[in-house]
Amino acid sequence: MTQQVIHPMVKLQRQVSSLVASNILKPTDSIWKIAFLYGNDWSYWKKELLEFGFTMQEPVSELLAVENWEED
């Protein structure tokens, strides 16, 4: 039996999706609002998001819309 490793961005995407479903975040909120919820871990996630071409002003819905997190 083999296990698939989940890309870290998929984990972030699932967590953010859960926050939206719980009405903690709105899909129209800017990605930078996630920083308030991730505290010390935010610098890592911000770096990852920037590497995937996101800006901190984009809406959370853009993060949730990504279907594939493959890196070049």
C-alpha atoms as a PDB file:
ATOM      1  CA  MET A   1       0.000   0.000   0.000  1.00  0.00           C
ATOM      2  CA  THR A   2       1.446   3.353  -1.015  1.00  0.00           C
ATOM      3  CA  GLN A   3       0.599   6.685   0.519  1.00  0.00           C
ATOM      4  CA  GLN A   4       0.518   9.879  -1.467  1.00  0.00           C
ATOM      5  CA  VAL A   5       2.242  12.880   0.013  1.00  0.00           C
ATOM      6  CA  ILE A   6      -0.030  15.906   0.045  1.00  0.00           C
ATOM      7  CA  HIS A   7       1.550  19.106  -1.213  1.00  0.00           C
ATOM      8  CA  PRO A   8       1.817  21.680   1.618  1.00  0.00           C
ATOM      9  CA  MET A   9      -0.199  24.162  -0.429  1.00  0.00           C
ATOM     10  CA  VAL A  10      -3.071  21.660  -0.620  1.00  0.00           C
ATOM     11  CA  LYS A  11      -3.070  21.572   3.180  1.00  0.00           C
ATOM     12  CA  LEU A  12      -3.147  25.371   3.351  1.00  0.00           C
ATOM     13  CA  GLN A  13      -5.897  25.476   0.740  1.00  0.00           C
ATOM     14  CA  ARG A  14      -7.997  22.989   2.749  1.00  0.00           C
ATOM     15  CA  GLN A  15      -7.485  24.964   5.955  1.00  0.00           C
ATOM     16  CA  VAL A  16      -8.443  28.232   4.263  1.00  0.00           C
ATOM     17  CA  SER A  17     -11.472  26.547   2.687  1.00  0.00           C
ATOM     18  CA  SER A  18     -12.542  25.423   6.148  1.00  0.00           C
ATOM     19  CA  LEU A  19     -12.131  28.986   7.451  1.00  0.00           C
ATOM     20  CA  VAL A  20     -14.347  30.265   4.624  1.00  0.00           C
ATOM     21  CA  ALA A  21     -16.939  27.559   5.295  1.00  0.00           C
ATOM     22  CA  SER A  22     -16.933  28.583   8.981  1.00  0.00           C
ATOM     23  CA  ASN A  23     -17.421  32.245   8.006  1.00  0.00           C
ATOM     24  CA  ILE A  24     -14.129  33.208   9.664  1.00  0.00           C
ATOM     25  CA  LEU A  25     -12.866  34.413   6.274  1.00  0.00           C
ATOM     26  CA  LYS A  26     -14.840  35.583   3.260  1.00  0.00           C
ATOM     27  CA  PRO A  27     -13.871  34.555  -0.285  1.00  0.00           C
ATOM     28  CA  THR A  28     -13.484  38.258  -1.050  1.00  0.00           C
ATOM     29  CA  ASP A  29     -11.042  38.874   1.831  1.00  0.00           C
ATOM     30  CA  SER A  30      -7.455  39.570   0.827  1.00  0.00           C
ATOM     31  CA  ILE A  31      -4.950  36.757   1.247  1.00  0.00           C
ATOM     32  CA  TRP A  32      -2.978  38.859   3.758  1.00  0.00           C
ATOM     33  CA  LYS A  33      -5.786  38.370   6.293  1.00  0.00           C
ATOM     34  CA  ILE A  34      -4.611  34.782   6.658  1.00  0.00           C
ATOM     35  CA  ALA A  35      -1.552  36.206   8.443  1.00  0.00           C
ATOM     36  CA  PHE A  36      -3.673  36.999  11.496  1.00  0.00           C
ATOM     37  CA  LEU A  37      -4.634  33.339  11.786  1.00  0.00           C
ATOM     38  CA  TYR A  38      -1.221  31.772  11.172  1.00  0.00           C
ATOM     39  CA  GLY A  39       0.941  33.927  13.441  1.00  0.00           C
ATOM     40  CA  ASN A  40       4.537  32.684  13.492  1.00  0.00           C
ATOM     41  CA  ASP A  41       3.940  30.316  10.554  1.00  0.00           C
ATOM     42  CA  TRP A  42       2.839  33.159   8.274  1.00  0.00           C
ATOM     43  CA  SER A  43       6.326  33.979   6.966  1.00  0.00           C
ATOM     44  CA  TYR A  44       6.609  30.448   5.566  1.00  0.00           C
ATOM     45  CA  TRP A  45       3.148  30.541   3.955  1.00  0.00           C
ATOM     46  CA  LYS A  46       3.673  34.042   2.578  1.00  0.00           C
ATOM     47  CA  LYS A  47       6.927  32.917   0.933  1.00  0.00           C
ATOM     48  CA  GLU A  48       5.172  29.892  -0.577  1.00  0.00           C
ATOM     49  CA  LEU A  49       2.269  31.979  -1.875  1.00  0.00           C
ATOM     50  CA  LEU A  50       4.608  34.532  -3.424  1.00  0.00           C
ATOM     51  CA  GLU A  51       6.570  31.742  -5.135  1.00  0.00           C
ATOM     52  CA  PHE A  52       3.316  30.566  -6.721  1.00  0.00           C
ATOM     53  CA  GLY A  53       2.679  34.066  -8.036  1.00  0.00           C
ATOM     54  CA  PHE A  54       0.083  35.273  -5.553  1.00  0.00           C
ATOM     55  CA  THR A  55      -0.012  38.799  -4.198  1.00  0.00           C
ATOM     56  CA  MET A  56      -1.202  39.502  -0.696  1.00  0.00           C
ATOM     57  CA  GLN A  57      -3.969  41.739  -2.066  1.00  0.00           C
ATOM     58  CA  GLU A  58      -5.631  38.987  -4.117  1.00  0.00           C
ATOM     59  CA  PRO A  59      -8.893  37.576  -2.768  1.00  0.00           C
ATOM     60  CA  VAL A  60      -8.879  34.285  -0.889  1.00  0.00           C
ATOM     61  CA  SER A  61     -11.114  32.896  -3.661  1.00  0.00           C
ATOM     62  CA  GLU A  62      -8.075  32.925  -6.007  1.00  0.00           C
ATOM     63  CA  LEU A  63      -6.206  30.630  -3.610  1.00  0.00           C
ATOM     64  CA  LEU A  64      -9.205  28.327  -3.351  1.00  0.00           C
ATOM     65  CA  ALA A  65      -9.591  28.167  -7.145  1.00  0.00           C
ATOM     66  CA  VAL A  66      -6.227  26.469  -7.726  1.00  0.00           C
ATOM     67  CA  GLU A  67      -6.716  22.891  -8.884  1.00  0.00           C
ATOM     68  CA  ASN A  68      -3.107  21.757  -9.191  1.00  0.00           C
ATOM     69  CA  TRP A  69      -0.111  22.771  -7.078  1.00  0.00           C
ATOM     70  CA  GLU A  70       2.634  21.252  -9.197  1.00  0.00           C
ATOM     71  CA  GLU A  71       5.863  23.154  -9.205  1.00  0.00           C
ATOM     72  CA  ASP A  72       7.861  23.786 -12.365  1.00  0.00           C
END
